[in-house]
Amino acid sequence: MQFGKTGFSIALVASALLSASMAFAEPARTFQTQKVAVKIETIATGLEHPWAVAVLPDGTYLVTERPGRMRTIRDGKVGAPISGVPEVYARGQGGLLDVELDPKFTSNRTLYFTASVAAGGGSGTAVFRARLSSDEKQLTDVKRIFLMNKLSRGNIQYGARIAIARDGSLFVSLGDRGEQDRAQDFHDDAGSIIHIEADGSIPANNPFKDGKGALPEIWSKGHRNPQGITFDTATNKLYTAEHGARGGDEINTPEAGKNYGWPVISYGVNYSGTKIGIGTAKAGMEQPLFYWDPSIAPGAIAVYRGKMFPEWNGDLLVTALKFQLLSRLSRDGSGKITERERMFEGEFGRMRDITVAPDGALLITTDEDDGALLRVSRTTS
């Protein structure tokens, strides 16, 4: 068969479209982990720095791309960008970031998302609430319910993960924006975990709700760049995974009014090799549950509670950008958190988000120019 110039161009376009629509057809790969054999399927490719994934009630995946797009993925096919997403500041580590569904999404179609936004010559982390249309093509009733109180120059360390509590309130992680001393200023949102209601108002149980000792939205302080935050659904305990500097990536359990030390105490050092703060401990500042040295650059954290992998029940699963792996941690006999296993290292690229799907499978996004959505499930014999 021969093509003219026009026919050849059409054939190339058709071939590209076919390749894109069949990205899900890539063969699954199997891996033997310490406790169970798993299968990893590439659900979709061609995503530009996908940052977060959520699962809609019908099983459709909802994914954010850092440049400012939100898309659905159904049957392996990536949908067109959803309209109504507000303008975001998509530079450096900033852009469209996390997304979480309201606990009553089935009836109210409400979701929450974070993004970096620009104003007055600076940028900072914002939280939005919106409704997803029934045809999943548009966001409506979009409202910004929070914006950190001090915007600044620079394009790093926005934090920006959301964890939804049992009562429907939101815990949101905010990075120090690369200005480390802000993490110890209790009248600055940077370097904190904040706690707000679904409408952005201040919950009655916040430790500084009167605003006298700290901003009323602040739950805890002394965090560097917590890009992972989640609740253990069995214990209702809140966990964070946080970027250290050179060494000192941490897992913490933020509690009301407590100070987690950055940059006064740290198990890492500056990128130049110089000492950070006063050392590793100070009275009145909390110790991490666990820290990595060297750093793994944690992307997100989940506590596994699901039927598919009972062997991992209660384990912490943390994605890593630097070593391109999934870290599995659990408590030893004394209750101390210990890293048990590093899985899939270097096999799929920079691992960003991790979510436990309703069926117990793991969903992972890869933070790459040509990013992917992966599904980790149990192999069948």
Foldseek 3Di string as FASTA:
>chain_A
DDDDPVRVVVVVVVVVVVCQQCQQVPDWDWDQFPPAIKIKTFLGWQAAQWAEWDADPVRWIWIDHFQFFIWIADNSHTDDGAPDGDHADRDDPFGWHYKDAFPPCVPFQKIKTKGWHDDDHFIAIWMWMWHQDPVRRYTHPIDTLDTWPDGDDADDQQQTYWEAAPVRKIKTAGAQRPPFVLQVAQAGCHQFIFIAHPNNHADPPAPCCVCPVHRRRGFETAAHRFNAWYADPVPRWIWTFGDDAQWFTAIAGGGGPAHQHTQQAGPGDHPVRHHTHDYHDDPRHDHGLDIDHRDQAWAYKDQQDADQCPVRHRWIWTFGQRQGWIWTWDADPVRRIDTDDTPPGPPAHGWHDWDQDHRRWIWIWHRHSTITIMTMGGDDD
